[in-house]
Amino acid sequence: MDVLYFAWVRERIGLPREQVETSAATVADLVEELRAREDRYAAAFADLSALRVALDQELSDFDAPLSGVREVAFFPPMTGG
């Protein structure tokens, strides 16, 4: 699946997107797999309350299943103005 990173998440990881092979059942499982890769991923996903996730361009939760999902995007909360 495609995993996209935006704003400071992209800056910490150093990539805007990557192709990820995963056996994760949920977004939270995927985050744990990513955290275990390298320190830069651990830093980016250290505080999930500071992150939002979208599955196939629909806002979702970290406990959402990944079955059939083609794209996961991680980004900080948006503010209006």
PDB file of N, CA and C in Angstrom:
ATOM      1  N   MET A   1       0.837  -1.182   0.000  1.00  0.00           N
ATOM      2  CA  MET A   1       0.000   0.000   0.000  1.00  0.00           C
ATOM      3  C   MET A   1       0.875   1.236   0.000  1.00  0.00           C
ATOM      4  N   ASP A   2       0.315   2.328  -0.462  1.00  0.00           N
ATOM      5  CA  ASP A   2       1.018   3.609  -0.434  1.00  0.00           C
ATOM      6  C   ASP A   2       0.813   4.253   0.932  1.00  0.00           C
ATOM      7  N   VAL A   3       1.889   4.734   1.518  1.00  0.00           N
ATOM      8  CA  VAL A   3       1.808   5.468   2.778  1.00  0.00           C
ATOM      9  C   VAL A   3       2.354   6.859   2.508  1.00  0.00           C
ATOM     10  N   LEU A   4       1.535   7.864   2.811  1.00  0.00           N
ATOM     11  CA  LEU A   4       1.896   9.260   2.565  1.00  0.00           C
ATOM     12  C   LEU A   4       2.106   9.975   3.891  1.00  0.00           C
ATOM     13  N   TYR A   5       3.089  10.887   3.896  1.00  0.00           N
ATOM     14  CA  TYR A   5       3.412  11.668   5.089  1.00  0.00           C
ATOM     15  C   TYR A   5       3.341  13.145   4.734  1.00  0.00           C
ATOM     16  N   PHE A   6       2.713  13.932   5.605  1.00  0.00           N
ATOM     17  CA  PHE A   6       2.554  15.360   5.351  1.00  0.00           C
ATOM     18  C   PHE A   6       3.113  16.192   6.494  1.00  0.00           C
ATOM     19  N   ALA A   7       3.510  17.425   6.174  1.00  0.00           N
ATOM     20  CA  ALA A   7       3.970  18.441   7.140  1.00  0.00           C
ATOM     21  C   ALA A   7       5.150  17.910   7.958  1.00  0.00           C
ATOM     22  N   TRP A   8       5.119  18.078   9.272  1.00  0.00           N
ATOM     23  CA  TRP A   8       6.261  17.687  10.095  1.00  0.00           C
ATOM     24  C   TRP A   8       6.472  16.180  10.125  1.00  0.00           C
ATOM     25  N   VAL A   9       5.442  15.400   9.832  1.00  0.00           N
ATOM     26  CA  VAL A   9       5.613  13.942   9.767  1.00  0.00           C
ATOM     27  C   VAL A   9       6.585  13.616   8.624  1.00  0.00           C
ATOM     28  N   ARG A  10       6.368  14.239   7.470  1.00  0.00           N
ATOM     29  CA  ARG A  10       7.254  14.062   6.318  1.00  0.00           C
ATOM     30  C   ARG A  10       8.672  14.522   6.661  1.00  0.00           C
ATOM     31  N   GLU A  11       8.780  15.655   7.361  1.00  0.00           N
ATOM     32  CA  GLU A  11      10.095  16.180   7.716  1.00  0.00           C
ATOM     33  C   GLU A  11      10.861  15.228   8.635  1.00  0.00           C
ATOM     34  N   ARG A  12      10.184  14.635   9.600  1.00  0.00           N
ATOM     35  CA  ARG A  12      10.860  13.723  10.527  1.00  0.00           C
ATOM     36  C   ARG A  12      11.268  12.421   9.846  1.00  0.00           C
ATOM     37  N   ILE A  13      10.417  11.913   8.971  1.00  0.00           N
ATOM     38  CA  ILE A  13      10.715  10.644   8.298  1.00  0.00           C
ATOM     39  C   ILE A  13      11.660  10.860   7.114  1.00  0.00           C
ATOM     40  N   GLY A  14      11.522  11.999   6.458  1.00  0.00           N
ATOM     41  CA  GLY A  14      12.403  12.306   5.339  1.00  0.00           C
ATOM     42  C   GLY A  14      11.885  11.834   3.994  1.00  0.00           C
ATOM     43  N   LEU A  15      10.638  11.416   3.951  1.00  0.00           N
ATOM     44  CA  LEU A  15      10.011  10.949   2.710  1.00  0.00           C
ATOM     45  C   LEU A  15       8.596  11.507   2.602  1.00  0.00           C
ATOM     46  N   PRO A  16       8.151  11.853   1.390  1.00  0.00           N
ATOM     47  CA  PRO A  16       6.760  12.273   1.232  1.00  0.00           C
ATOM     48  C   PRO A  16       5.809  11.080   1.117  1.00  0.00           C
ATOM     49  N   ARG A  17       6.337   9.944   0.605  1.00  0.00           N
ATOM     50  CA  ARG A  17       5.504   8.747   0.443  1.00  0.00           C
ATOM     51  C   ARG A  17       6.403   7.553   0.246  1.00  0.00           C
ATOM     52  N   GLU A  18       5.848   6.372   0.514  1.00  0.00           N
ATOM     53  CA  GLU A  18       6.568   5.140   0.255  1.00  0.00           C
ATOM     54  C   GLU A  18       5.587   3.995   0.061  1.00  0.00           C
ATOM     55  N   GLN A  19       6.050   2.982  -0.592  1.00  0.00           N
ATOM     56  CA  GLN A  19       5.279   1.757  -0.793  1.00  0.00           C
ATOM     57  C   GLN A  19       5.629   0.832   0.370  1.00  0.00           C
ATOM     58  N   VAL A  20       4.621   0.343   1.094  1.00  0.00           N
ATOM     59  CA  VAL A  20       4.853  -0.474   2.280  1.00  0.00           C
ATOM     60  C   VAL A  20       4.157  -1.823   2.123  1.00  0.00           C
ATOM     61  N   GLU A  21       4.917  -2.882   2.338  1.00  0.00           N
ATOM     62  CA  GLU A  21       4.352  -4.228   2.434  1.00  0.00           C
ATOM     63  C   GLU A  21       4.084  -4.468   3.913  1.00  0.00           C
ATOM     64  N   THR A  22       2.856  -4.815   4.248  1.00  0.00           N
ATOM     65  CA  THR A  22       2.517  -4.972   5.658  1.00  0.00           C
ATOM     66  C   THR A  22       1.523  -6.100   5.866  1.00  0.00           C
ATOM     67  N   SER A  23       1.582  -6.691   7.044  1.00  0.00           N
ATOM     68  CA  SER A  23       0.585  -7.673   7.457  1.00  0.00           C
ATOM     69  C   SER A  23      -0.306  -7.076   8.548  1.00  0.00           C
ATOM     70  N   ALA A  24      -0.183  -5.763   8.751  1.00  0.00           N
ATOM     71  CA  ALA A  24      -0.950  -5.068   9.798  1.00  0.00           C
ATOM     72  C   ALA A  24      -2.455  -5.173   9.530  1.00  0.00           C
ATOM     73  N   ALA A  25      -3.200  -5.427  10.589  1.00  0.00           N
ATOM     74  CA  ALA A  25      -4.652  -5.526  10.473  1.00  0.00           C
ATOM     75  C   ALA A  25      -5.331  -4.165  10.628  1.00  0.00           C
ATOM     76  N   THR A  26      -4.709  -3.281  11.415  1.00  0.00           N
ATOM     77  CA  THR A  26      -5.284  -1.960  11.682  1.00  0.00           C
ATOM     78  C   THR A  26      -4.228  -0.883  11.456  1.00  0.00           C
ATOM     79  N   VAL A  27      -4.672   0.359  11.451  1.00  0.00           N
ATOM     80  CA  VAL A  27      -3.744   1.481  11.341  1.00  0.00           C
ATOM     81  C   VAL A  27      -2.766   1.459  12.509  1.00  0.00           C
ATOM     82  N   ALA A  28      -3.253   1.192  13.705  1.00  0.00           N
ATOM     83  CA  ALA A  28      -2.376   1.147  14.882  1.00  0.00           C
ATOM     84  C   ALA A  28      -1.290   0.084  14.716  1.00  0.00           C
ATOM     85  N   ASP A  29      -1.647  -1.063  14.136  1.00  0.00           N
ATOM     86  CA  ASP A  29      -0.656  -2.115  13.885  1.00  0.00           C
ATOM     87  C   ASP A  29       0.396  -1.626  12.885  1.00  0.00           C
ATOM     88  N   LEU A  30      -0.043  -0.920  11.856  1.00  0.00           N
ATOM     89  CA  LEU A  30       0.878  -0.373  10.868  1.00  0.00           C
ATOM     90  C   LEU A  30       1.832   0.627  11.522  1.00  0.00           C
ATOM     91  N   VAL A  31       1.303   1.471  12.387  1.00  0.00           N
ATOM     92  CA  VAL A  31       2.138   2.449  13.099  1.00  0.00           C
ATOM     93  C   VAL A  31       3.202   1.722  13.919  1.00  0.00           C
ATOM     94  N   GLU A  32       2.827   0.638  14.585  1.00  0.00           N
ATOM     95  CA  GLU A  32       3.810  -0.116  15.377  1.00  0.00           C
ATOM     96  C   GLU A  32       4.902  -0.696  14.482  1.00  0.00           C
ATOM     97  N   GLU A  33       4.523  -1.205  13.309  1.00  0.00           N
ATOM     98  CA  GLU A  33       5.519  -1.718  12.364  1.00  0.00           C
ATOM     99  C   GLU A  33       6.464  -0.605  11.917  1.00  0.00           C
ATOM    100  N   LEU A  34       5.902   0.560  11.614  1.00  0.00           N
ATOM    101  CA  LEU A  34       6.722   1.683  11.156  1.00  0.00           C
ATOM    102  C   LEU A  34       7.648   2.174  12.268  1.00  0.00           C
ATOM    103  N   ARG A  35       7.122   2.280  13.492  1.00  0.00           N
ATOM    104  CA  ARG A  35       7.934   2.720  14.636  1.00  0.00           C
ATOM    105  C   ARG A  35       9.155   1.831  14.827  1.00  0.00           C
ATOM    106  N   ALA A  36       8.978   0.537  14.580  1.00  0.00           N
ATOM    107  CA  ALA A  36      10.052  -0.429  14.809  1.00  0.00           C
ATOM    108  C   ALA A  36      11.145  -0.357  13.741  1.00  0.00           C
ATOM    109  N   ARG A  37      10.890   0.316  12.627  1.00  0.00           N
ATOM    110  CA  ARG A  37      11.866   0.384  11.524  1.00  0.00           C
ATOM    111  C   ARG A  37      13.136   1.121  11.901  1.00  0.00           C
ATOM    112  N   GLU A  38      12.983   2.376  12.321  1.00  0.00           N
ATOM    113  CA  GLU A  38      14.127   3.249  12.592  1.00  0.00           C
ATOM    114  C   GLU A  38      13.702   4.334  13.574  1.00  0.00           C
ATOM    115  N   ASP A  39      14.696   5.015  14.131  1.00  0.00           N
ATOM    116  CA  ASP A  39      14.420   6.087  15.086  1.00  0.00           C
ATOM    117  C   ASP A  39      13.589   7.214  14.474  1.00  0.00           C
ATOM    118  N   ARG A  40      13.815   7.512  13.208  1.00  0.00           N
ATOM    119  CA  ARG A  40      13.061   8.613  12.582  1.00  0.00           C
ATOM    120  C   ARG A  40      11.562   8.310  12.539  1.00  0.00           C
ATOM    121  N   TYR A  41      11.195   7.050  12.346  1.00  0.00           N
ATOM    122  CA  TYR A  41       9.778   6.674  12.370  1.00  0.00           C
ATOM    123  C   TYR A  41       9.252   6.728  13.806  1.00  0.00           C
ATOM    124  N   ALA A  42      10.055   6.250  14.734  1.00  0.00           N
ATOM    125  CA  ALA A  42       9.661   6.298  16.144  1.00  0.00           C
ATOM    126  C   ALA A  42       9.401   7.735  16.572  1.00  0.00           C
ATOM    127  N   ALA A  43      10.243   8.664  16.113  1.00  0.00           N
ATOM    128  CA  ALA A  43      10.055  10.075  16.451  1.00  0.00           C
ATOM    129  C   ALA A  43       8.783  10.631  15.818  1.00  0.00           C
ATOM    130  N   ALA A  44       8.523  10.262  14.574  1.00  0.00           N
ATOM    131  CA  ALA A  44       7.345  10.782  13.882  1.00  0.00           C
ATOM    132  C   ALA A  44       6.048  10.277  14.505  1.00  0.00           C
ATOM    133  N   PHE A  45       6.072   9.049  15.010  1.00  0.00           N
ATOM    134  CA  PHE A  45       4.854   8.450  15.563  1.00  0.00           C
ATOM    135  C   PHE A  45       4.873   8.366  17.088  1.00  0.00           C
ATOM    136  N   ALA A  46       5.680   9.190  17.732  1.00  0.00           N
ATOM    137  CA  ALA A  46       5.812   9.152  19.190  1.00  0.00           C
ATOM    138  C   ALA A  46       4.524   9.553  19.908  1.00  0.00           C
ATOM    139  N   ASP A  47       3.792  10.503  19.346  1.00  0.00           N
ATOM    140  CA  ASP A  47       2.579  11.016  20.001  1.00  0.00           C
ATOM    141  C   ASP A  47       1.409  10.952  19.019  1.00  0.00           C
ATOM    142  N   LEU A  48       0.654   9.863  19.068  1.00  0.00           N
ATOM    143  CA  LEU A  48      -0.456   9.690  18.115  1.00  0.00           C
ATOM    144  C   LEU A  48      -1.570  10.708  18.312  1.00  0.00           C
ATOM    145  N   SER A  49      -1.644  11.315  19.492  1.00  0.00           N
ATOM    146  CA  SER A  49      -2.685  12.331  19.692  1.00  0.00           C
ATOM    147  C   SER A  49      -2.407  13.572  18.846  1.00  0.00           C
ATOM    148  N   ALA A  50      -1.162  13.700  18.347  1.00  0.00           N
ATOM    149  CA  ALA A  50      -0.784  14.837  17.504  1.00  0.00           C
ATOM    150  C   ALA A  50      -0.895  14.494  16.022  1.00  0.00           C
ATOM    151  N   LEU A  51      -1.503  13.337  15.711  1.00  0.00           N
ATOM    152  CA  LEU A  51      -1.611  12.890  14.326  1.00  0.00           C
ATOM    153  C   LEU A  51      -3.040  12.561  13.940  1.00  0.00           C
ATOM    154  N   ARG A  52      -3.308  12.689  12.672  1.00  0.00           N
ATOM    155  CA  ARG A  52      -4.569  12.237  12.075  1.00  0.00           C
ATOM    156  C   ARG A  52      -4.211  11.266  10.973  1.00  0.00           C
ATOM    157  N   VAL A  53      -5.179  10.446  10.591  1.00  0.00           N
ATOM    158  CA  VAL A  53      -4.950   9.462   9.536  1.00  0.00           C
ATOM    159  C   VAL A  53      -6.135   9.459   8.582  1.00  0.00           C
ATOM    160  N   ALA A  54      -5.836   9.260   7.319  1.00  0.00           N
ATOM    161  CA  ALA A  54      -6.873   9.109   6.298  1.00  0.00           C
ATOM    162  C   ALA A  54      -6.595   7.815   5.545  1.00  0.00           C
ATOM    163  N   LEU A  55      -7.660   7.064   5.305  1.00  0.00           N
ATOM    164  CA  LEU A  55      -7.570   5.832   4.527  1.00  0.00           C
ATOM    165  C   LEU A  55      -8.293   6.062   3.213  1.00  0.00           C
ATOM    166  N   ASP A  56      -7.575   5.908   2.112  1.00  0.00           N
ATOM    167  CA  ASP A  56      -8.128   6.178   0.779  1.00  0.00           C
ATOM    168  C   ASP A  56      -8.841   7.532   0.748  1.00  0.00           C
ATOM    169  N   GLN A  57      -8.192   8.541   1.334  1.00  0.00           N
ATOM    170  CA  GLN A  57      -8.606   9.938   1.349  1.00  0.00           C
ATOM    171  C   GLN A  57      -9.865  10.211   2.173  1.00  0.00           C
ATOM    172  N   GLU A  58     -10.164   9.310   3.121  1.00  0.00           N
ATOM    173  CA  GLU A  58     -11.270   9.510   4.059  1.00  0.00           C
ATOM    174  C   GLU A  58     -10.710   9.517   5.474  1.00  0.00           C
ATOM    175  N   LEU A  59     -11.017  10.558   6.265  1.00  0.00           N
ATOM    176  CA  LEU A  59     -10.548  10.596   7.649  1.00  0.00           C
ATOM    177  C   LEU A  59     -10.970   9.332   8.375  1.00  0.00           C
ATOM    178  N   SER A  60     -10.088   8.837   9.207  1.00  0.00           N
ATOM    179  CA  SER A  60     -10.347   7.582   9.890  1.00  0.00           C
ATOM    180  C   SER A  60      -9.734   7.608  11.277  1.00  0.00           C
ATOM    181  N   ASP A  61      -9.787   6.460  11.953  1.00  0.00           N
ATOM    182  CA  ASP A  61      -9.231   6.305  13.294  1.00  0.00           C
ATOM    183  C   ASP A  61      -8.082   5.306  13.255  1.00  0.00           C
ATOM    184  N   PHE A  62      -7.274   5.330  14.300  1.00  0.00           N
ATOM    185  CA  PHE A  62      -6.140   4.427  14.357  1.00  0.00           C
ATOM    186  C   PHE A  62      -6.547   2.977  14.589  1.00  0.00           C
ATOM    187  N   ASP A  63      -7.774   2.740  15.020  1.00  0.00           N
ATOM    188  CA  ASP A  63      -8.233   1.353  15.189  1.00  0.00           C
ATOM    189  C   ASP A  63      -8.963   0.827  13.947  1.00  0.00           C
ATOM    190  N   ALA A  64      -8.981   1.596  12.870  1.00  0.00           N
ATOM    191  CA  ALA A  64      -9.654   1.201  11.632  1.00  0.00           C
ATOM    192  C   ALA A  64      -8.916   0.047  10.951  1.00  0.00           C
ATOM    193  N   PRO A  65      -9.660  -0.882  10.368  1.00  0.00           N
ATOM    194  CA  PRO A  65      -9.026  -1.992   9.655  1.00  0.00           C
ATOM    195  C   PRO A  65      -8.395  -1.528   8.338  1.00  0.00           C
ATOM    196  N   LEU A  66      -7.329  -2.220   7.934  1.00  0.00           N
ATOM    197  CA  LEU A  66      -6.626  -1.878   6.702  1.00  0.00           C
ATOM    198  C   LEU A  66      -7.017  -2.764   5.515  1.00  0.00           C
ATOM    199  N   SER A  67      -7.888  -3.707   5.744  1.00  0.00           N
ATOM    200  CA  SER A  67      -8.285  -4.626   4.678  1.00  0.00           C
ATOM    201  C   SER A  67      -8.856  -3.857   3.481  1.00  0.00           C
ATOM    202  N   GLY A  68      -8.259  -4.054   2.322  1.00  0.00           N
ATOM    203  CA  GLY A  68      -8.723  -3.408   1.098  1.00  0.00           C
ATOM    204  C   GLY A  68      -8.261  -1.980   0.910  1.00  0.00           C
ATOM    205  N   VAL A  69      -7.542  -1.417   1.879  1.00  0.00           N
ATOM    206  CA  VAL A  69      -7.077  -0.027   1.789  1.00  0.00           C
ATOM    207  C   VAL A  69      -5.878   0.050   0.850  1.00  0.00           C
ATOM    208  N   ARG A  70      -5.877   1.044  -0.028  1.00  0.00           N
ATOM    209  CA  ARG A  70      -4.774   1.237  -0.971  1.00  0.00           C
ATOM    210  C   ARG A  70      -3.827   2.349  -0.546  1.00  0.00           C
ATOM    211  N   GLU A  71      -4.346   3.325   0.239  1.00  0.00           N
ATOM    212  CA  GLU A  71      -3.530   4.483   0.613  1.00  0.00           C
ATOM    213  C   GLU A  71      -3.808   4.888   2.056  1.00  0.00           C
ATOM    214  N   VAL A  72      -2.728   5.087   2.804  1.00  0.00           N
ATOM    215  CA  VAL A  72      -2.805   5.576   4.182  1.00  0.00           C
ATOM    216  C   VAL A  72      -2.014   6.879   4.233  1.00  0.00           C
ATOM    217  N   ALA A  73      -2.621   7.923   4.775  1.00  0.00           N
ATOM    218  CA  ALA A  73      -1.946   9.214   4.882  1.00  0.00           C
ATOM    219  C   ALA A  73      -1.913   9.645   6.346  1.00  0.00           C
ATOM    220  N   PHE A  74      -0.742  10.094   6.785  1.00  0.00           N
ATOM    221  CA  PHE A  74      -0.563  10.599   8.144  1.00  0.00           C
ATOM    222  C   PHE A  74      -0.251  12.082   8.080  1.00  0.00           C
ATOM    223  N   PHE A  75      -0.898  12.868   8.936  1.00  0.00           N
ATOM    224  CA  PHE A  75      -0.722  14.318   8.924  1.00  0.00           C
ATOM    225  C   PHE A  75      -1.128  14.902  10.272  1.00  0.00           C
ATOM    226  N   PRO A  76      -0.620  16.096  10.607  1.00  0.00           N
ATOM    227  CA  PRO A  76      -1.048  16.747  11.848  1.00  0.00           C
ATOM    228  C   PRO A  76      -2.464  17.296  11.679  1.00  0.00           C
ATOM    229  N   PRO A  77      -3.144  17.549  12.803  1.00  0.00           N
ATOM    230  CA  PRO A  77      -4.492  18.127  12.713  1.00  0.00           C
ATOM    231  C   PRO A  77      -4.476  19.444  11.934  1.00  0.00           C
ATOM    232  N   MET A  78      -5.503  19.649  11.176  1.00  0.00           N
ATOM    233  CA  MET A  78      -5.615  20.879  10.405  1.00  0.00           C
ATOM    234  C   MET A  78      -6.369  21.928  11.230  1.00  0.00           C
ATOM    235  N   THR A  79      -5.982  23.166  11.034  1.00  0.00           N
ATOM    236  CA  THR A  79      -6.710  24.262  11.684  1.00  0.00           C
ATOM    237  C   THR A  79      -7.219  25.191  10.604  1.00  0.00           C
ATOM    238  N   GLY A  80      -8.365  25.740  10.851  1.00  0.00           N
ATOM    239  CA  GLY A  80      -8.943  26.681   9.888  1.00  0.00           C
ATOM    240  C   GLY A  80      -8.498  28.102  10.194  1.00  0.00           C
ATOM    241  N   GLY A  81      -8.825  28.992   9.272  1.00  0.00           N
ATOM    242  CA  GLY A  81      -8.414  30.340   9.597  1.00  0.00           C
ATOM    243  C   GLY A  81      -8.723  31.316   8.505  1.00  0.00           C
TER     244      GLY A  81
END
